[in-house]
Each structure stands twice: as C-alpha cells, then as structure tokens.
C-alpha cells in the first residue's frame, strides 16, 4: 500500500494538525508551502516543497509519488475580521484544484479529500441566520464561493473524492466523537475542533469509507 500523501494548506490551523497526525501515524508526507521557514518539524518522513498549488510546476514537484492529496486550502484574510482584505487571490482554490485534476491524469492519484465548509450550497439554510448574513455581506463570502467552485470541479472528476464540510471550527484539543451528517441527517451540531477534523480525515483515508460522498461533520 502506498502511504505517501500530499497535504496542501499544511501551515494553516487545520493543516498543522493534519501534518502532525499523519506523521504520527507513519505516513510519508509531502507538503507544498509558500514559506519553508514556517515548517519547524524535522522528520525523515517529511518532504517540504516551496511554492503554491496554484502554480502547476510547483505542484508537479510536490505531488510526485503521492497516492492521496488532502487539501485544507482556504481563501485567507489578513485578519479574522470579516471585512479584512484578502491575503490570497479569489481564484486560488479553483486554480489549485484544476491543477490537481490535471495532474491526476499523469500521476497515480488514487484519492482526493478536501476540506470545504458547512454553509455551502444546500447547507446554507442550516447555518444560523446571522452567519448567513455575514457570508452575504462580508469578505467571508469569497471563501464560501471558492469552496462551492472546488466542489463543482471535484464532483465532475473521475477521482475517488470525499468532500468534508466541517461546522464552526475551534482550537480545542480534547477528543470527541465525530457526528457525520449526510443530506442534513442527523442535524449537525455547531462546533468541531480542528484536531478532531484532521483525525477524522485520516480515519476515512485509512478505512476507505465515504468515497464520492459529501459529509457535514460536527461533534
């Protein structure tokens, strides 16, 4: 079994947990980051590439020999303030996913797992009314638009994909059982920690479950 995986977004708040847990479970991990200096982990199972997945050449170097791509990419802002200016281009995720799909025709990528968001497409009606307003009238909307676009692209591909839509993310570290909601059943709860999200993603990779399914997960 090829246990070599590529994690995109490894310096983000969820990506850091994905990286740490994947290494702890014995995976050989490649990551593609804008700034290598941000990576402090030293491991013979870790390969670090500098660049961005929206750059096809950089992604090509990082994806070689990997059988799975896990993406925790997002449209980031310069602060958590909803109206803060964007740090990444609006089409960053779209270009990155297009590059992944293009390279999947050249490399033996067996699975793709991506982190989307609760509140995209049909789940927008499930989230609190005040958060729907935030999405509609602040710069948060660009992240949700990007997640919707990446979901469209992935669902039209031939890959074994899984789309994970976490509810509101926290930085808590205590382990909790993850609730899986499909087509809004059961009704999602409001919170999940980034650490539990990362563990769940690696769990479904190992069990090969929920292939070509879209899940909302909460605690």
Protein backbone atom coordinates (compact mmCIF):
# COMPACT_ATOMS: atom_id res chain seq x y z
CA UNK A 1 0.00 0.00 0.00
CA UNK A 2 1.30 3.47 -0.92
CA UNK A 3 1.16 5.59 2.22
CA UNK A 4 2.65 8.67 0.61
CA UNK A 5 0.32 11.63 0.83
CA UNK A 6 0.41 15.29 -0.17
CA UNK A 7 -1.10 17.79 2.26
CA UNK A 8 -1.98 21.22 0.93
CA UNK A 9 -2.51 24.03 3.42
CA UNK A 10 -0.13 22.43 5.94
CA UNK A 11 0.75 25.73 7.61
CA UNK A 12 -2.89 26.60 8.27
CA UNK A 13 -4.69 25.99 11.55
CA UNK A 14 -6.24 22.73 10.33
CA UNK A 15 -3.32 21.76 8.12
CA UNK A 16 -0.90 21.77 11.04
CA UNK A 17 -2.98 19.11 12.77
CA UNK A 18 -3.20 17.08 9.57
CA UNK A 19 0.58 17.16 9.24
CA UNK A 20 1.31 16.23 12.85
CA UNK A 21 -1.23 13.40 12.98
CA UNK A 22 -0.24 11.99 9.59
CA UNK A 23 3.42 11.82 10.62
CA UNK A 24 2.47 10.26 13.97
CA UNK A 25 0.53 7.56 12.11
CA UNK A 26 3.53 6.72 9.95
CA UNK A 27 2.61 8.36 6.67
CA UNK A 28 5.25 9.66 4.33
CA UNK A 29 4.10 13.23 3.85
CA UNK A 30 4.86 15.81 1.21
CA UNK A 31 3.78 19.40 1.76
CA UNK A 32 3.83 22.43 -0.51
CA UNK A 33 4.14 25.71 1.36
CA UNK A 34 4.78 29.33 0.48
CA UNK A 35 7.46 29.75 3.15
CA UNK A 36 9.63 26.80 4.17
CA UNK A 37 10.79 28.73 7.23
CA UNK A 38 7.36 28.21 8.79
CA UNK A 39 7.93 24.45 9.00
CA UNK A 40 9.71 23.55 12.22
CA UNK A 41 9.08 19.79 12.17
CA UNK A 42 12.07 17.59 11.43
CA UNK A 43 11.24 14.09 10.16
CA UNK A 44 12.71 11.66 7.68
CA UNK A 45 9.12 11.01 6.57
CA UNK A 46 8.53 14.63 5.60
CA UNK A 47 9.33 16.25 2.25
CA UNK A 48 8.89 20.01 2.09
CA UNK A 49 8.45 21.86 -1.20
CA UNK A 50 8.27 25.61 -1.54
CA UNK A 51 5.63 27.15 -3.74
CA UNK A 52 1.89 27.31 -4.21
CA UNK A 53 -0.53 24.68 -5.60
CA UNK A 54 -1.93 27.29 -7.98
CA UNK A 55 1.46 27.06 -9.74
CA UNK A 56 1.37 23.89 -11.83
CA UNK A 57 5.14 23.46 -11.85
CA UNK A 58 5.42 23.67 -8.07
CA UNK A 59 2.52 21.28 -7.56
CA UNK A 60 4.01 18.81 -10.04
CA UNK A 61 7.20 18.58 -7.99
CA UNK A 62 5.29 18.01 -4.75
CA UNK A 63 2.71 15.52 -6.00
CA UNK A 64 5.15 13.00 -7.47
CA UNK A 65 4.90 9.53 -5.88
CA UNK A 66 1.87 10.51 -3.76
CA UNK A 67 -1.26 8.38 -3.93
CA UNK A 68 -3.53 10.75 -1.99
CA UNK A 69 -3.99 14.50 -1.88
CA UNK A 70 -5.56 16.12 1.18
CA UNK A 71 -6.46 19.77 0.73
CA UNK A 72 -7.13 22.13 3.61
CA UNK A 73 -6.76 25.19 1.40
CA UNK A 74 -8.82 28.28 2.07
CA UNK A 75 -9.15 31.89 0.99
CA UNK A 76 -7.40 33.67 3.81
CA UNK A 77 -7.88 37.22 5.02
CA UNK A 78 -5.32 39.49 6.65
CA UNK A 79 -7.13 39.03 9.96
CA UNK A 80 -10.18 37.24 11.34
CA UNK A 81 -12.19 40.45 10.95
CA UNK A 82 -14.93 39.51 8.43
CA UNK A 83 -14.28 42.58 6.26
CA UNK A 84 -10.49 42.27 6.31
CA UNK A 85 -8.79 42.35 2.91
CA UNK A 86 -8.00 39.04 1.25
CA UNK A 87 -4.49 37.65 1.54
CA UNK A 88 -4.96 35.10 -1.27
CA UNK A 89 -6.47 35.59 -4.74
CA UNK A 90 -10.17 34.80 -5.06
CA UNK A 91 -9.43 32.04 -7.60
CA UNK A 92 -6.62 30.46 -5.55
CA UNK A 93 -8.53 27.30 -4.61
CA UNK A 94 -10.09 26.95 -8.05
CA UNK A 95 -6.71 27.07 -9.80
CA UNK A 96 -5.21 24.67 -7.27
CA UNK A 97 -7.99 22.11 -7.76
CA UNK A 98 -7.76 22.45 -11.53
CA UNK A 99 -4.04 21.68 -11.28
CA UNK A 100 -4.67 18.65 -9.08
CA UNK A 101 -7.23 17.28 -11.52
CA UNK A 102 -4.90 17.89 -14.45
CA UNK A 103 -2.03 16.07 -12.75
CA UNK A 104 -4.30 13.19 -11.71
CA UNK A 105 -4.27 12.18 -15.38
CA UNK A 106 -0.48 11.90 -15.28
CA UNK A 107 0.22 10.54 -11.81
CA UNK A 108 -1.41 7.63 -9.93
CA UNK A 109 -3.51 9.75 -7.58
CA UNK A 110 -5.96 7.33 -6.02
CA UNK A 111 -7.92 9.64 -3.75
CA UNK A 112 -8.62 13.28 -3.01
CA UNK A 113 -10.04 14.53 0.27
CA UNK A 114 -10.86 18.20 0.60
CA UNK A 115 -12.00 20.43 3.44
CA UNK A 116 -14.95 22.54 2.36
CA UNK A 117 -17.35 24.30 4.75
CA UNK A 118 -20.76 23.91 6.32
CA UNK A 119 -22.84 26.60 4.68
CA UNK A 120 -22.03 25.94 1.04
CA UNK A 121 -24.75 25.01 -1.43
CA UNK A 122 -27.76 23.34 0.21
CA UNK A 123 -26.32 23.55 3.74
CA UNK A 124 -26.52 27.34 3.77
CA UNK A 125 -30.09 27.02 5.02
CA UNK A 126 -28.83 25.03 8.02
CA UNK A 127 -26.46 27.62 9.46
CA UNK A 128 -27.57 30.36 11.89
CA UNK A 129 -29.29 33.32 10.22
CA UNK A 130 -26.70 35.81 11.44
CA UNK A 131 -23.90 33.80 9.85
CA UNK A 132 -25.77 33.68 6.54
CA UNK A 133 -25.79 37.48 6.66
CA UNK A 134 -22.05 37.50 7.34
CA UNK A 135 -21.45 35.31 4.32
CA UNK A 136 -23.62 37.51 2.11
CA UNK A 137 -22.30 40.89 3.22
CA UNK A 138 -18.65 40.45 4.23
CA UNK A 139 -15.43 39.15 2.71
CA UNK A 140 -16.17 35.74 4.22
CA UNK A 141 -18.27 35.16 1.10
CA UNK A 142 -15.20 34.74 -1.10
CA UNK A 143 -14.13 31.66 0.82
CA UNK A 144 -17.59 30.12 0.51
CA UNK A 145 -17.75 30.91 -3.20
CA UNK A 146 -14.35 29.25 -3.63
CA UNK A 147 -15.48 26.14 -1.76
CA UNK A 148 -18.56 25.86 -3.95
CA UNK A 149 -16.43 26.13 -7.07
CA UNK A 150 -13.98 23.47 -5.91
CA UNK A 151 -16.84 21.12 -5.05
CA UNK A 152 -18.23 21.51 -8.57
CA UNK A 153 -14.85 20.73 -10.11
CA UNK A 154 -14.21 17.71 -7.93
CA UNK A 155 -17.65 16.19 -8.44
CA UNK A 156 -17.16 16.32 -12.20
CA UNK A 157 -13.87 14.40 -11.97
CA UNK A 158 -13.15 10.68 -12.09
CA UNK A 159 -11.19 10.66 -8.84
CA UNK A 160 -12.18 8.86 -5.66
CA UNK A 161 -13.02 12.06 -3.83
CA UNK A 162 -14.52 12.88 -0.47
CA UNK A 163 -15.75 16.35 0.48
CA UNK A 164 -15.75 17.12 4.19
CA UNK A 165 -17.76 20.12 5.36
CA UNK A 166 -16.91 20.92 8.99
CA UNK A 167 -19.16 23.11 11.08
CA UNK A 168 -17.63 26.03 13.01
CA UNK A 169 -14.01 25.19 13.83
CA UNK A 170 -12.42 25.55 17.25
CA UNK A 171 -8.89 25.14 18.57
CA UNK A 172 -9.89 22.76 21.38
CA UNK A 173 -7.68 19.68 21.68
CA UNK A 174 -9.91 17.29 23.64
CA UNK A 175 -11.02 14.29 21.60
CA UNK A 176 -14.74 13.98 20.90
CA UNK A 177 -16.75 11.55 18.84
CA UNK A 178 -17.45 12.95 15.39
CA UNK A 179 -21.03 13.11 14.16
CA UNK A 180 -21.45 12.54 10.43
CA UNK A 181 -24.41 14.17 8.69
CA UNK A 182 -25.40 13.28 5.13
CA UNK A 183 -28.19 15.28 3.49
CA UNK A 184 -28.68 17.08 6.82
CA UNK A 185 -29.38 13.85 8.73
CA UNK A 186 -28.84 13.96 11.61
CA UNK A 187 -28.95 17.71 12.13
CA UNK A 188 -25.36 18.95 12.57
CA UNK A 189 -24.21 20.43 15.84
CA UNK A 190 -22.46 23.79 15.81
CA UNK A 191 -18.82 23.03 16.64
CA UNK A 192 -15.89 20.74 15.85
CA UNK A 193 -12.23 21.13 16.71
CA UNK A 194 -9.59 21.36 14.02
CA UNK A 195 -7.75 18.48 15.65
CA UNK A 196 -10.78 16.18 15.51
CA UNK A 197 -11.42 17.24 11.92
CA UNK A 198 -7.86 16.27 10.99
CA UNK A 199 -8.12 12.91 12.77
CA UNK A 200 -11.41 12.18 11.02
CA UNK A 201 -9.93 12.89 7.59
CA UNK A 202 -7.08 10.46 8.17
CA UNK A 203 -9.52 7.89 9.58
CA UNK A 204 -11.61 7.87 6.41
CA UNK A 205 -8.47 7.70 4.29
CA UNK A 206 -7.36 4.59 6.15
CA UNK A 207 -10.79 2.91 6.12
CA UNK A 208 -11.53 3.91 2.50
CA UNK A 209 -15.01 4.99 3.51
CA UNK A 210 -17.32 7.74 2.21
CA UNK A 211 -15.82 7.65 -1.29
CA UNK A 212 -17.57 10.14 -3.61
CA UNK A 213 -19.69 11.43 -0.77
CA UNK A 214 -20.15 14.87 0.77
CA UNK A 215 -20.25 14.91 4.56
CA UNK A 216 -21.02 17.52 7.18
CA UNK A 217 -19.17 16.73 10.38
CA UNK A 218 -19.61 18.07 13.89
CA UNK A 219 -19.06 16.96 17.48
